Amino acid sequence: MTYNKQKVTHPLYPFKFQPILKPVIWGGADISHFKGIDPVQEGIGESWEISGVKNNLSVVASGPLAGTTLEELISEAKDTLVGKEVYHKFGNTFPLLIKFIDARDDLSIQVHPDDKLAGERHHSFGKTEMWYVIKAAPGAFLYSGFEKQITPEEYVETVQNNTFTHTLKRYEVQEGDVFFLPAGRVHAIGAGCFIAEIQQTSDITYRIYDYNRKDAAGNSRELHTELAKDAIDYNVYDSYKTNYSKNINHPVKLASCPYFTTNLLEMEQVVSMTRSYADLDSFVIYICMGGECTVEDDKGNVETIRQGESMLIPANTGSVTLIPTESTRLLETFVTQS
C-alpha cells in the first residue's frame, strides 16, 4: 500500500479510517456482517479501527487527506489533532487502540502488564482496556478476574494441572454488557462473543492458559507463565462487570480511568444531541454500535457515521451536533486529563 506523503496542510475534519482486518484461525464472519463488507470475509478475528501501533498504522479513508497515516497526521497537526496534554505525553504515538473482536472459538486466557512493568520489560506502555459486548450467541461467556483468592504459587500450580479456569469469575454475556479491565486483571473472551474493545496503545500480552490446544503440527502455543506471575492482580473483587442504566438522548458514563473515558450515547431518530468539547483538550472517538448518524462540527464539516464505523474528531473541535437518521448507538471515548 502506498501512503500519502504530502504535508497535512488541509484543515482538519472528522476522520474515518480504512479498517485493518486480521484473519485468524478463531475468527468468524460477524465483523464483515457488522461493517457491511461485501463479499463477506470469513475468519476475520479482529478489525483494528483506529491504530497507531507500528506496522499497523491506520490510514485515512476519505476526504482531502485520504491515504495519510495516523502517525503522519499527528506529526504534522500535533496538539491540534490530539490535544496539548496528549501530545506532550505521547508525542506522535496515538494513545488508544480501537478494535472489533469476533471470537468464533474460546480465546486464550491472558493478562497485560501495567505501565511500570511494561516499561521496564518491553519499553512499552501497559494495557488497560474495556469491552462493550455488541452481540453474543446464546450461552456465550467471558472470564474477568478471580472467583477465589489464590497465591502466585497456586497460580503456577493451577496452570500446570489444568485447573486454572476454576479460579476465574465466569460471566454469561449479552448485548450491551460492559467490562473494564485494568492492567493486571486476568481475562478471556469466550466463543460466540462479538466485542468492541478500547485499550491503551500496546501490543504486550502475556498468555497464561490455552486449554492445552495444539496447532496443526501438534505443538502447544507458548505460555508466558513466569512473566504473567508478576503482572497479575490477585485481589478478589465483588464484581468485575460494569453496571449502568440506559438514558436515551443523554450520555451515560461507562468507564473513566487515567487513560480514557468512555460514554454511551443512545439517540432516538431525528432527536439531535450537541456535545461540547471546547474545554476537553483531547481528540474524541465515536464508535457506531448501531444505526446511522450525521455528524456536524462547529467548523461546518458534515460527515456520516454508520454501524461498524469509527470516527476521530480532532481536538481543535469546539462542539459537535449528532443527528441520528434512525435510532443510533455510539460509544464516545477520549483521553482523560489528570
C-alpha atoms as a PDB file:
ATOM      1  CA  MET A   1       0.000   0.000   0.000  1.00  0.00           C
ATOM      2  CA  THR A   2       1.320   3.435  -0.902  1.00  0.00           C
ATOM      3  CA  TYR A   3       0.647   6.113   1.676  1.00  0.00           C
ATOM      4  CA  ASN A   4       0.111   9.807   1.037  1.00  0.00           C
ATOM      5  CA  LYS A   5       3.372  11.521   1.990  1.00  0.00           C
ATOM      6  CA  GLN A   6       2.169  15.089   1.458  1.00  0.00           C
ATOM      7  CA  LYS A   7       2.247  17.500   4.366  1.00  0.00           C
ATOM      8  CA  VAL A   8      -1.010  17.883   6.241  1.00  0.00           C
ATOM      9  CA  THR A   9      -1.899  21.389   5.091  1.00  0.00           C
ATOM     10  CA  HIS A  10      -5.654  20.942   4.696  1.00  0.00           C
ATOM     11  CA  PRO A  11      -7.825  21.957   7.683  1.00  0.00           C
ATOM     12  CA  LEU A  12      -8.641  19.034   9.916  1.00  0.00           C
ATOM     13  CA  TYR A  13     -12.054  17.391   9.739  1.00  0.00           C
ATOM     14  CA  PRO A  14     -13.719  14.288  11.272  1.00  0.00           C
ATOM     15  CA  PHE A  15     -11.658  11.314  10.075  1.00  0.00           C
ATOM     16  CA  LYS A  16     -12.713   7.791   9.185  1.00  0.00           C
ATOM     17  CA  PHE A  17     -10.022   5.187   8.537  1.00  0.00           C
ATOM     18  CA  GLN A  18      -9.572   2.057   6.481  1.00  0.00           C
ATOM     19  CA  PRO A  19     -10.144  -0.948   8.765  1.00  0.00           C
ATOM     20  CA  ILE A  20      -7.146  -3.211   9.383  1.00  0.00           C
ATOM     21  CA  LEU A  21      -8.661  -6.697   9.172  1.00  0.00           C
ATOM     22  CA  LYS A  22      -6.898  -9.532  10.985  1.00  0.00           C
ATOM     23  CA  PRO A  23      -7.514 -13.057   9.646  1.00  0.00           C
ATOM     24  CA  VAL A  24      -7.018 -15.650  12.399  1.00  0.00           C
ATOM     25  CA  ILE A  25      -7.969 -19.280  12.946  1.00  0.00           C
ATOM     26  CA  TRP A  26     -10.543 -18.341  15.610  1.00  0.00           C
ATOM     27  CA  GLY A  27     -12.265 -15.564  13.648  1.00  0.00           C
ATOM     28  CA  GLY A  28     -15.737 -15.667  12.123  1.00  0.00           C
ATOM     29  CA  ALA A  29     -17.935 -13.610   9.786  1.00  0.00           C
ATOM     30  CA  ASP A  30     -19.538 -11.191  12.260  1.00  0.00           C
ATOM     31  CA  ILE A  31     -17.115  -8.357  11.525  1.00  0.00           C
ATOM     32  CA  SER A  32     -17.950  -8.478   7.816  1.00  0.00           C
ATOM     33  CA  HIS A  33     -21.675  -8.523   8.509  1.00  0.00           C
ATOM     34  CA  PHE A  34     -21.468  -5.760  11.105  1.00  0.00           C
ATOM     35  CA  LYS A  35     -19.356  -3.480   8.943  1.00  0.00           C
ATOM     36  CA  GLY A  36     -21.223  -4.255   5.720  1.00  0.00           C
ATOM     37  CA  ILE A  37     -18.154  -5.719   3.982  1.00  0.00           C
ATOM     38  CA  ASP A  38     -19.136  -7.329   0.676  1.00  0.00           C
ATOM     39  CA  PRO A  39     -18.291 -10.023  -0.180  1.00  0.00           C
ATOM     40  CA  VAL A  40     -18.355 -11.399   3.347  1.00  0.00           C
ATOM     41  CA  GLN A  41     -14.931 -12.439   4.627  1.00  0.00           C
ATOM     42  CA  GLU A  42     -14.776 -15.492   6.874  1.00  0.00           C
ATOM     43  CA  GLY A  43     -12.117 -15.971   9.511  1.00  0.00           C
ATOM     44  CA  ILE A  44     -11.654 -12.309  10.479  1.00  0.00           C
ATOM     45  CA  GLY A  45     -10.969 -12.202  14.208  1.00  0.00           C
ATOM     46  CA  GLU A  46     -10.236  -8.505  14.638  1.00  0.00           C
ATOM     47  CA  SER A  47     -10.765  -5.208  12.881  1.00  0.00           C
ATOM     48  CA  TRP A  48      -8.361  -2.541  14.087  1.00  0.00           C
ATOM     49  CA  GLU A  49     -10.455   0.568  13.600  1.00  0.00           C
ATOM     50  CA  ILE A  50      -8.085   3.294  14.787  1.00  0.00           C
ATOM     51  CA  SER A  51      -4.493   2.274  15.402  1.00  0.00           C
ATOM     52  CA  GLY A  52      -1.188   3.986  15.994  1.00  0.00           C
ATOM     53  CA  VAL A  53       0.645   0.679  16.520  1.00  0.00           C
ATOM     54  CA  LYS A  54       3.843   0.437  14.473  1.00  0.00           C
ATOM     55  CA  ASN A  55       3.359  -1.662  11.309  1.00  0.00           C
ATOM     56  CA  ASN A  56      -0.406  -1.382  11.861  1.00  0.00           C
ATOM     57  CA  LEU A  57      -0.995   2.325  11.282  1.00  0.00           C
ATOM     58  CA  SER A  58      -4.494   3.448  10.389  1.00  0.00           C
ATOM     59  CA  VAL A  59      -4.872   5.228   7.046  1.00  0.00           C
ATOM     60  CA  VAL A  60      -7.434   7.978   6.396  1.00  0.00           C
ATOM     61  CA  ALA A  61     -10.217   6.571   4.221  1.00  0.00           C
ATOM     62  CA  SER A  62     -11.759   9.662   2.659  1.00  0.00           C
ATOM     63  CA  GLY A  63     -11.613  13.414   2.198  1.00  0.00           C
ATOM     64  CA  PRO A  64      -8.705  15.648   1.145  1.00  0.00           C
ATOM     65  CA  LEU A  65      -6.255  13.772   3.417  1.00  0.00           C
ATOM     66  CA  ALA A  66      -7.198  10.259   2.243  1.00  0.00           C
ATOM     67  CA  GLY A  67      -4.153   7.988   2.220  1.00  0.00           C
ATOM     68  CA  THR A  68      -2.423   9.782   5.116  1.00  0.00           C
ATOM     69  CA  THR A  69      -1.424   7.603   8.067  1.00  0.00           C
ATOM     70  CA  LEU A  70      -2.486   8.449  11.591  1.00  0.00           C
ATOM     71  CA  GLU A  71       1.163   8.900  12.547  1.00  0.00           C
ATOM     72  CA  GLU A  72       1.645  11.403   9.707  1.00  0.00           C
ATOM     73  CA  LEU A  73      -1.452  13.298  10.803  1.00  0.00           C
ATOM     74  CA  ILE A  74      -0.140  13.617  14.351  1.00  0.00           C
ATOM     75  CA  SER A  75       3.408  14.534  13.320  1.00  0.00           C
ATOM     76  CA  GLU A  76       2.073  17.418  11.215  1.00  0.00           C
ATOM     77  CA  ALA A  77      -1.001  18.570  13.151  1.00  0.00           C
ATOM     78  CA  LYS A  78       0.359  17.744  16.621  1.00  0.00           C
ATOM     79  CA  ASP A  79      -1.789  19.056  19.500  1.00  0.00           C
ATOM     80  CA  THR A  80      -4.343  20.453  17.040  1.00  0.00           C
ATOM     81  CA  LEU A  81      -5.324  16.844  16.354  1.00  0.00           C
ATOM     82  CA  VAL A  82      -4.824  15.144  19.714  1.00  0.00           C
ATOM     83  CA  GLY A  83      -4.708  17.908  22.369  1.00  0.00           C
ATOM     84  CA  LYS A  84      -1.903  19.733  24.161  1.00  0.00           C
ATOM     85  CA  GLU A  85      -1.513  17.394  27.141  1.00  0.00           C
ATOM     86  CA  VAL A  86      -1.908  14.293  24.977  1.00  0.00           C
ATOM     87  CA  TYR A  87       0.782  15.448  22.562  1.00  0.00           C
ATOM     88  CA  HIS A  88       3.093  16.461  25.414  1.00  0.00           C
ATOM     89  CA  LYS A  89       2.775  12.980  26.943  1.00  0.00           C
ATOM     90  CA  PHE A  90       2.634  10.722  23.873  1.00  0.00           C
ATOM     91  CA  GLY A  91       4.237  12.707  21.041  1.00  0.00           C
ATOM     92  CA  ASN A  92       3.485  11.165  17.649  1.00  0.00           C
ATOM     93  CA  THR A  93       2.145   7.932  19.187  1.00  0.00           C
ATOM     94  CA  PHE A  94      -1.637   7.752  19.220  1.00  0.00           C
ATOM     95  CA  PRO A  95      -2.536   6.677  22.791  1.00  0.00           C
ATOM     96  CA  LEU A  96      -5.593   4.481  22.135  1.00  0.00           C
ATOM     97  CA  LEU A  97      -6.316   1.427  20.007  1.00  0.00           C
ATOM     98  CA  ILE A  98      -9.889   0.723  18.915  1.00  0.00           C
ATOM     99  CA  LYS A  99     -10.889  -2.795  17.834  1.00  0.00           C
ATOM    100  CA  PHE A 100     -13.797  -5.051  16.986  1.00  0.00           C
ATOM    101  CA  ILE A 101     -13.230  -8.674  18.069  1.00  0.00           C
ATOM    102  CA  ASP A 102     -15.189 -11.681  16.770  1.00  0.00           C
ATOM    103  CA  ALA A 103     -14.431 -14.871  18.699  1.00  0.00           C
ATOM    104  CA  ARG A 104     -15.725 -17.988  16.969  1.00  0.00           C
ATOM    105  CA  ASP A 105     -13.716 -20.109  19.435  1.00  0.00           C
ATOM    106  CA  ASP A 106     -12.571 -19.558  23.026  1.00  0.00           C
ATOM    107  CA  LEU A 107      -9.579 -17.223  23.160  1.00  0.00           C
ATOM    108  CA  SER A 108      -6.617 -17.862  25.408  1.00  0.00           C
ATOM    109  CA  ILE A 109      -6.611 -16.579  28.981  1.00  0.00           C
ATOM    110  CA  GLN A 110      -4.399 -13.504  29.208  1.00  0.00           C
ATOM    111  CA  VAL A 111      -3.136 -10.684  31.341  1.00  0.00           C
ATOM    112  CA  HIS A 112      -1.453  -7.395  30.427  1.00  0.00           C
ATOM    113  CA  PRO A 113       1.273  -5.613  32.412  1.00  0.00           C
ATOM    114  CA  ASP A 114       0.837  -2.100  33.766  1.00  0.00           C
ATOM    115  CA  ASP A 115       2.857   0.902  32.577  1.00  0.00           C
ATOM    116  CA  LYS A 116       5.670   0.350  35.076  1.00  0.00           C
ATOM    117  CA  LEU A 117       6.232  -3.328  34.305  1.00  0.00           C
ATOM    118  CA  ALA A 118       5.733  -2.926  30.558  1.00  0.00           C
ATOM    119  CA  GLY A 119       8.177  -0.024  30.530  1.00  0.00           C
ATOM    120  CA  GLU A 120      10.833  -1.958  32.437  1.00  0.00           C
ATOM    121  CA  ARG A 121      10.495  -5.148  30.379  1.00  0.00           C
ATOM    122  CA  HIS A 122       9.406  -4.004  26.928  1.00  0.00           C
ATOM    123  CA  HIS A 123       9.918  -0.222  26.704  1.00  0.00           C
ATOM    124  CA  SER A 124       6.177  -0.061  26.068  1.00  0.00           C
ATOM    125  CA  PHE A 125       3.026   1.292  27.631  1.00  0.00           C
ATOM    126  CA  GLY A 126       0.944  -1.147  29.639  1.00  0.00           C
ATOM    127  CA  LYS A 127      -2.539  -2.143  28.599  1.00  0.00           C
ATOM    128  CA  THR A 128      -5.700  -1.151  30.389  1.00  0.00           C
ATOM    129  CA  GLU A 129      -8.788  -1.806  28.308  1.00  0.00           C
ATOM    130  CA  MET A 130     -12.568  -2.140  28.270  1.00  0.00           C
ATOM    131  CA  TRP A 131     -15.082  -4.328  26.439  1.00  0.00           C
ATOM    132  CA  TYR A 132     -18.543  -3.500  25.155  1.00  0.00           C
ATOM    133  CA  VAL A 133     -20.498  -6.575  24.060  1.00  0.00           C
ATOM    134  CA  ILE A 134     -22.064  -5.857  20.664  1.00  0.00           C
ATOM    135  CA  LYS A 135     -23.590  -9.297  20.219  1.00  0.00           C
ATOM    136  CA  ALA A 136     -23.446 -12.643  21.984  1.00  0.00           C
ATOM    137  CA  ALA A 137     -24.556 -16.109  20.942  1.00  0.00           C
ATOM    138  CA  PRO A 138     -26.779 -17.985  23.433  1.00  0.00           C
ATOM    139  CA  GLY A 139     -24.607 -19.162  26.310  1.00  0.00           C
ATOM    140  CA  ALA A 140     -21.583 -17.095  25.260  1.00  0.00           C
ATOM    141  CA  PHE A 141     -19.346 -16.186  28.178  1.00  0.00           C
ATOM    142  CA  LEU A 142     -16.138 -14.467  29.147  1.00  0.00           C
ATOM    143  CA  TYR A 143     -13.759 -14.564  32.086  1.00  0.00           C
ATOM    144  CA  SER A 144     -12.846 -11.474  34.078  1.00  0.00           C
ATOM    145  CA  GLY A 145     -10.956 -11.568  37.369  1.00  0.00           C
ATOM    146  CA  PHE A 146     -10.757 -14.189  40.101  1.00  0.00           C
ATOM    147  CA  GLU A 147     -13.619 -16.071  41.709  1.00  0.00           C
ATOM    148  CA  LYS A 148     -11.487 -17.000  44.707  1.00  0.00           C
ATOM    149  CA  GLN A 149      -8.225 -15.898  46.274  1.00  0.00           C
ATOM    150  CA  ILE A 150      -5.059 -17.647  45.126  1.00  0.00           C
ATOM    151  CA  THR A 151      -1.364 -17.012  45.652  1.00  0.00           C
ATOM    152  CA  PRO A 152       1.214 -16.589  42.888  1.00  0.00           C
ATOM    153  CA  GLU A 153       2.445 -20.087  43.666  1.00  0.00           C
ATOM    154  CA  GLU A 154      -1.066 -21.536  43.403  1.00  0.00           C
ATOM    155  CA  TYR A 155      -1.486 -19.705  40.096  1.00  0.00           C
ATOM    156  CA  VAL A 156       1.513 -21.559  38.635  1.00  0.00           C
ATOM    157  CA  GLU A 157       0.275 -24.859  40.056  1.00  0.00           C
ATOM    158  CA  THR A 158      -3.249 -24.488  38.615  1.00  0.00           C
ATOM    159  CA  VAL A 159      -1.873 -23.638  35.163  1.00  0.00           C
ATOM    160  CA  GLN A 160       0.301 -26.744  35.287  1.00  0.00           C
ATOM    161  CA  ASN A 161      -2.511 -29.060  36.444  1.00  0.00           C
ATOM    162  CA  ASN A 162      -5.146 -27.549  34.090  1.00  0.00           C
ATOM    163  CA  THR A 163      -7.430 -26.223  36.827  1.00  0.00           C
ATOM    164  CA  PHE A 164      -6.742 -22.512  36.338  1.00  0.00           C
ATOM    165  CA  THR A 165     -10.185 -21.777  34.868  1.00  0.00           C
ATOM    166  CA  HIS A 166     -11.737 -22.970  38.149  1.00  0.00           C
ATOM    167  CA  THR A 167     -10.254 -19.914  39.876  1.00  0.00           C
ATOM    168  CA  LEU A 168     -11.797 -17.356  37.489  1.00  0.00           C
ATOM    169  CA  LYS A 169     -15.054 -15.417  37.506  1.00  0.00           C
ATOM    170  CA  ARG A 170     -17.205 -16.525  34.559  1.00  0.00           C
ATOM    171  CA  TYR A 171     -19.907 -14.286  33.093  1.00  0.00           C
ATOM    172  CA  GLU A 172     -22.553 -15.253  30.568  1.00  0.00           C
ATOM    173  CA  VAL A 173     -22.958 -12.119  28.463  1.00  0.00           C
ATOM    174  CA  GLN A 174     -25.494 -10.342  26.294  1.00  0.00           C
ATOM    175  CA  GLU A 175     -25.642  -7.250  24.118  1.00  0.00           C
ATOM    176  CA  GLY A 176     -24.694  -4.073  25.985  1.00  0.00           C
ATOM    177  CA  ASP A 177     -22.648  -5.706  28.752  1.00  0.00           C
ATOM    178  CA  VAL A 178     -19.548  -3.730  29.747  1.00  0.00           C
ATOM    179  CA  PHE A 179     -16.336  -4.905  31.405  1.00  0.00           C
ATOM    180  CA  PHE A 180     -13.486  -2.644  32.487  1.00  0.00           C
ATOM    181  CA  LEU A 181     -10.139  -4.450  32.505  1.00  0.00           C
ATOM    182  CA  PRO A 182      -7.328  -2.601  34.257  1.00  0.00           C
ATOM    183  CA  ALA A 183      -3.813  -3.861  33.612  1.00  0.00           C
ATOM    184  CA  GLY A 184      -3.219  -6.929  35.782  1.00  0.00           C
ATOM    185  CA  ARG A 185      -6.740  -8.334  35.506  1.00  0.00           C
ATOM    186  CA  VAL A 186      -6.845 -11.878  34.133  1.00  0.00           C
ATOM    187  CA  HIS A 187      -9.403 -12.198  31.325  1.00  0.00           C
ATOM    188  CA  ALA A 188     -10.517 -14.143  28.256  1.00  0.00           C
ATOM    189  CA  ILE A 189     -13.192 -13.863  25.579  1.00  0.00           C
ATOM    190  CA  GLY A 190     -15.298 -16.961  25.022  1.00  0.00           C
ATOM    191  CA  ALA A 191     -16.715 -18.370  21.788  1.00  0.00           C
ATOM    192  CA  GLY A 192     -19.724 -16.501  20.438  1.00  0.00           C
ATOM    193  CA  CYS A 193     -18.722 -13.075  21.768  1.00  0.00           C
ATOM    194  CA  PHE A 194     -18.569 -10.089  19.413  1.00  0.00           C
ATOM    195  CA  ILE A 195     -16.976  -7.171  21.219  1.00  0.00           C
ATOM    196  CA  ALA A 196     -15.787  -3.587  20.810  1.00  0.00           C
ATOM    197  CA  GLU A 197     -12.512  -3.020  22.635  1.00  0.00           C
ATOM    198  CA  ILE A 198     -10.955   0.270  23.711  1.00  0.00           C
ATOM    199  CA  GLN A 199      -7.410  -0.018  25.021  1.00  0.00           C
ATOM    200  CA  GLN A 200      -4.117   1.692  25.573  1.00  0.00           C
ATOM    201  CA  THR A 201      -1.812   1.557  22.569  1.00  0.00           C
ATOM    202  CA  SER A 202       0.164  -1.529  23.468  1.00  0.00           C
ATOM    203  CA  ASP A 203       0.552  -4.967  21.941  1.00  0.00           C
ATOM    204  CA  ILE A 204       2.025  -6.577  25.069  1.00  0.00           C
ATOM    205  CA  THR A 205       0.058  -9.676  26.070  1.00  0.00           C
ATOM    206  CA  TYR A 206       1.023 -12.496  28.428  1.00  0.00           C
ATOM    207  CA  ARG A 207      -0.714 -15.741  27.504  1.00  0.00           C
ATOM    208  CA  ILE A 208      -1.496 -17.643  30.702  1.00  0.00           C
ATOM    209  CA  TYR A 209      -3.508 -20.650  29.568  1.00  0.00           C
ATOM    210  CA  ASP A 210      -4.702 -22.024  26.210  1.00  0.00           C
ATOM    211  CA  TYR A 211      -6.718 -25.113  27.206  1.00  0.00           C
ATOM    212  CA  ASN A 212      -3.838 -27.417  26.138  1.00  0.00           C
ATOM    213  CA  ARG A 213      -4.705 -26.846  22.476  1.00  0.00           C
ATOM    214  CA  LYS A 214      -2.261 -27.916  19.766  1.00  0.00           C
ATOM    215  CA  ASP A 215      -1.543 -26.357  16.391  1.00  0.00           C
ATOM    216  CA  ALA A 216      -1.628 -28.247  13.079  1.00  0.00           C
ATOM    217  CA  ALA A 217       1.893 -29.502  13.757  1.00  0.00           C
ATOM    218  CA  GLY A 218       0.938 -30.801  17.197  1.00  0.00           C
ATOM    219  CA  ASN A 219       2.716 -28.028  19.101  1.00  0.00           C
ATOM    220  CA  SER A 220       1.336 -26.177  22.100  1.00  0.00           C
ATOM    221  CA  ARG A 221       1.186 -22.392  21.968  1.00  0.00           C
ATOM    222  CA  GLU A 222       3.805 -20.563  24.008  1.00  0.00           C
ATOM    223  CA  LEU A 223       2.706 -19.615  27.509  1.00  0.00           C
ATOM    224  CA  HIS A 224       4.152 -16.719  29.495  1.00  0.00           C
ATOM    225  CA  THR A 225       3.631 -18.237  32.930  1.00  0.00           C
ATOM    226  CA  GLU A 226       6.541 -16.575  34.718  1.00  0.00           C
ATOM    227  CA  LEU A 227       6.153 -13.184  33.017  1.00  0.00           C
ATOM    228  CA  ALA A 228       2.485 -13.152  33.964  1.00  0.00           C
ATOM    229  CA  LYS A 229       3.161 -14.152  37.548  1.00  0.00           C
ATOM    230  CA  ASP A 230       4.379 -10.666  38.481  1.00  0.00           C
ATOM    231  CA  ALA A 231       1.812  -8.871  36.297  1.00  0.00           C
ATOM    232  CA  ILE A 232      -1.356 -10.394  37.771  1.00  0.00           C
ATOM    233  CA  ASP A 233      -3.601  -8.591  40.241  1.00  0.00           C
ATOM    234  CA  TYR A 234      -4.502 -11.425  42.634  1.00  0.00           C
ATOM    235  CA  ASN A 235      -7.119  -9.445  44.561  1.00  0.00           C
ATOM    236  CA  VAL A 236     -10.716 -10.673  44.504  1.00  0.00           C
ATOM    237  CA  TYR A 237     -13.426  -8.059  43.895  1.00  0.00           C
ATOM    238  CA  ASP A 238     -17.181  -8.228  44.421  1.00  0.00           C
ATOM    239  CA  SER A 239     -17.919  -7.789  40.730  1.00  0.00           C
ATOM    240  CA  TYR A 240     -15.948  -7.273  37.538  1.00  0.00           C
ATOM    241  CA  LYS A 241     -18.899  -6.201  35.421  1.00  0.00           C
ATOM    242  CA  THR A 242     -19.849  -2.538  34.939  1.00  0.00           C
ATOM    243  CA  ASN A 243     -23.439  -1.822  35.920  1.00  0.00           C
ATOM    244  CA  TYR A 244     -25.145   1.157  34.274  1.00  0.00           C
ATOM    245  CA  SER A 245     -28.615   2.411  33.461  1.00  0.00           C
ATOM    246  CA  LYS A 246     -29.590   3.426  29.949  1.00  0.00           C
ATOM    247  CA  ASN A 247     -30.687   7.022  29.419  1.00  0.00           C
ATOM    248  CA  ILE A 248     -31.883   7.679  25.872  1.00  0.00           C
ATOM    249  CA  ASN A 249     -30.689  11.004  24.410  1.00  0.00           C
ATOM    250  CA  HIS A 250     -28.329  11.594  27.346  1.00  0.00           C
ATOM    251  CA  PRO A 251     -24.699  10.459  27.768  1.00  0.00           C
ATOM    252  CA  VAL A 252     -24.074   7.576  30.162  1.00  0.00           C
ATOM    253  CA  LYS A 253     -20.562   7.092  31.568  1.00  0.00           C
ATOM    254  CA  LEU A 254     -19.286   3.530  31.156  1.00  0.00           C
ATOM    255  CA  ALA A 255     -15.617   3.888  32.122  1.00  0.00           C
ATOM    256  CA  SER A 256     -13.244   6.507  33.451  1.00  0.00           C
ATOM    257  CA  CYS A 257      -9.594   5.860  34.189  1.00  0.00           C
ATOM    258  CA  PRO A 258      -6.262   7.674  33.769  1.00  0.00           C
ATOM    259  CA  TYR A 259      -6.113   6.516  30.121  1.00  0.00           C
ATOM    260  CA  PHE A 260      -9.599   7.071  28.726  1.00  0.00           C
ATOM    261  CA  THR A 261     -13.184   7.965  29.480  1.00  0.00           C
ATOM    262  CA  THR A 262     -15.971   6.243  27.566  1.00  0.00           C
ATOM    263  CA  ASN A 263     -19.609   7.276  27.371  1.00  0.00           C
ATOM    264  CA  LEU A 264     -22.604   5.579  25.775  1.00  0.00           C
ATOM    265  CA  LEU A 265     -24.713   7.833  23.552  1.00  0.00           C
ATOM    266  CA  GLU A 266     -28.073   6.289  22.644  1.00  0.00           C
ATOM    267  CA  MET A 267     -30.246   8.518  20.463  1.00  0.00           C
ATOM    268  CA  GLU A 268     -33.736   8.323  19.055  1.00  0.00           C
ATOM    269  CA  GLN A 269     -34.393   9.079  15.416  1.00  0.00           C
ATOM    270  CA  VAL A 270     -34.069  12.778  14.456  1.00  0.00           C
ATOM    271  CA  VAL A 271     -33.518  13.890  18.083  1.00  0.00           C
ATOM    272  CA  SER A 272     -30.213  15.779  17.897  1.00  0.00           C
ATOM    273  CA  MET A 273     -27.565  15.815  20.618  1.00  0.00           C
ATOM    274  CA  THR A 274     -24.880  18.504  20.912  1.00  0.00           C
ATOM    275  CA  ARG A 275     -21.578  17.605  22.553  1.00  0.00           C
ATOM    276  CA  SER A 276     -19.302  20.443  23.698  1.00  0.00           C
ATOM    277  CA  TYR A 277     -15.566  19.735  23.634  1.00  0.00           C
ATOM    278  CA  ALA A 278     -14.169  23.266  23.986  1.00  0.00           C
ATOM    279  CA  ASP A 279     -12.594  22.518  27.387  1.00  0.00           C
ATOM    280  CA  LEU A 280     -11.657  18.893  26.727  1.00  0.00           C
ATOM    281  CA  ASP A 281      -8.087  19.181  25.324  1.00  0.00           C
ATOM    282  CA  SER A 282      -8.346  15.758  23.682  1.00  0.00           C
ATOM    283  CA  PHE A 283      -9.447  14.151  20.450  1.00  0.00           C
ATOM    284  CA  VAL A 284     -12.778  12.291  20.599  1.00  0.00           C
ATOM    285  CA  ILE A 285     -13.577   8.933  19.016  1.00  0.00           C
ATOM    286  CA  TYR A 286     -17.053   7.767  18.047  1.00  0.00           C
ATOM    287  CA  ILE A 287     -17.646   4.039  17.514  1.00  0.00           C
ATOM    288  CA  CYS A 288     -21.040   3.254  15.989  1.00  0.00           C
ATOM    289  CA  MET A 289     -22.704   0.219  17.565  1.00  0.00           C
ATOM    290  CA  GLY A 290     -25.877   0.555  15.514  1.00  0.00           C
ATOM    291  CA  GLY A 291     -27.879   2.897  13.325  1.00  0.00           C
ATOM    292  CA  GLU A 292     -26.648   5.906  11.373  1.00  0.00           C
ATOM    293  CA  CYS A 293     -25.891   9.461  12.391  1.00  0.00           C
ATOM    294  CA  THR A 294     -24.952  12.776  10.774  1.00  0.00           C
ATOM    295  CA  VAL A 295     -22.001  14.457  12.489  1.00  0.00           C
ATOM    296  CA  GLU A 296     -21.800  18.263  12.152  1.00  0.00           C
ATOM    297  CA  ASP A 297     -18.891  20.096  13.775  1.00  0.00           C
ATOM    298  CA  ASP A 298     -18.546  23.805  14.599  1.00  0.00           C
ATOM    299  CA  LYS A 299     -16.326  24.343  11.540  1.00  0.00           C
ATOM    300  CA  GLY A 300     -19.033  23.414   9.055  1.00  0.00           C
ATOM    301  CA  ASN A 301     -17.853  19.865   8.356  1.00  0.00           C
ATOM    302  CA  VAL A 302     -20.646  17.337   7.850  1.00  0.00           C
ATOM    303  CA  GLU A 303     -19.937  13.596   7.886  1.00  0.00           C
ATOM    304  CA  THR A 304     -21.959  10.421   8.362  1.00  0.00           C
ATOM    305  CA  ILE A 305     -21.134   7.543  10.696  1.00  0.00           C
ATOM    306  CA  ARG A 306     -22.849   4.180  10.275  1.00  0.00           C
ATOM    307  CA  GLN A 307     -22.918   0.896  12.142  1.00  0.00           C
ATOM    308  CA  GLY A 308     -19.462  -0.658  12.217  1.00  0.00           C
ATOM    309  CA  GLU A 309     -17.611   2.607  11.559  1.00  0.00           C
ATOM    310  CA  SER A 310     -15.361   4.651  13.838  1.00  0.00           C
ATOM    311  CA  MET A 311     -14.587   8.354  13.588  1.00  0.00           C
ATOM    312  CA  LEU A 312     -11.831  10.562  15.031  1.00  0.00           C
ATOM    313  CA  ILE A 313     -12.855  14.114  15.967  1.00  0.00           C
ATOM    314  CA  PRO A 314      -9.807  16.457  16.146  1.00  0.00           C
ATOM    315  CA  ALA A 315      -9.008  18.160  19.455  1.00  0.00           C
ATOM    316  CA  ASN A 316      -9.471  21.638  17.965  1.00  0.00           C
ATOM    317  CA  THR A 317     -13.191  20.928  17.515  1.00  0.00           C
ATOM    318  CA  GLY A 318     -15.291  23.063  19.851  1.00  0.00           C
ATOM    319  CA  SER A 319     -18.572  21.191  19.533  1.00  0.00           C
ATOM    320  CA  VAL A 320     -20.334  18.502  17.531  1.00  0.00           C
ATOM    321  CA  THR A 321     -24.031  18.043  16.817  1.00  0.00           C
ATOM    322  CA  LEU A 322     -25.194  14.468  16.286  1.00  0.00           C
ATOM    323  CA  ILE A 323     -28.362  13.998  14.241  1.00  0.00           C
ATOM    324  CA  PRO A 324     -29.471  10.341  14.005  1.00  0.00           C
ATOM    325  CA  THR A 325     -31.336   9.351  10.848  1.00  0.00           C
ATOM    326  CA  GLU A 326     -32.531   6.300  12.784  1.00  0.00           C
ATOM    327  CA  SER A 327     -32.124   5.087  16.347  1.00  0.00           C
ATOM    328  CA  THR A 328     -28.365   5.148  16.854  1.00  0.00           C
ATOM    329  CA  ARG A 329     -25.930   3.933  19.483  1.00  0.00           C
ATOM    330  CA  LEU A 330     -22.405   5.363  19.772  1.00  0.00           C
ATOM    331  CA  LEU A 331     -19.506   4.864  22.116  1.00  0.00           C
ATOM    332  CA  GLU A 332     -17.752   8.175  22.758  1.00  0.00           C
ATOM    333  CA  THR A 333     -14.206   7.983  24.089  1.00  0.00           C
ATOM    334  CA  PHE A 334     -11.399  10.447  24.776  1.00  0.00           C
ATOM    335  CA  VAL A 335      -8.234  10.752  26.842  1.00  0.00           C
ATOM    336  CA  THR A 336      -8.856  11.578  30.466  1.00  0.00           C
ATOM    337  CA  GLN A 337      -6.855  14.557  31.734  1.00  0.00           C
ATOM    338  CA  SER A 338      -5.193  14.238  35.116  1.00  0.00           C
END
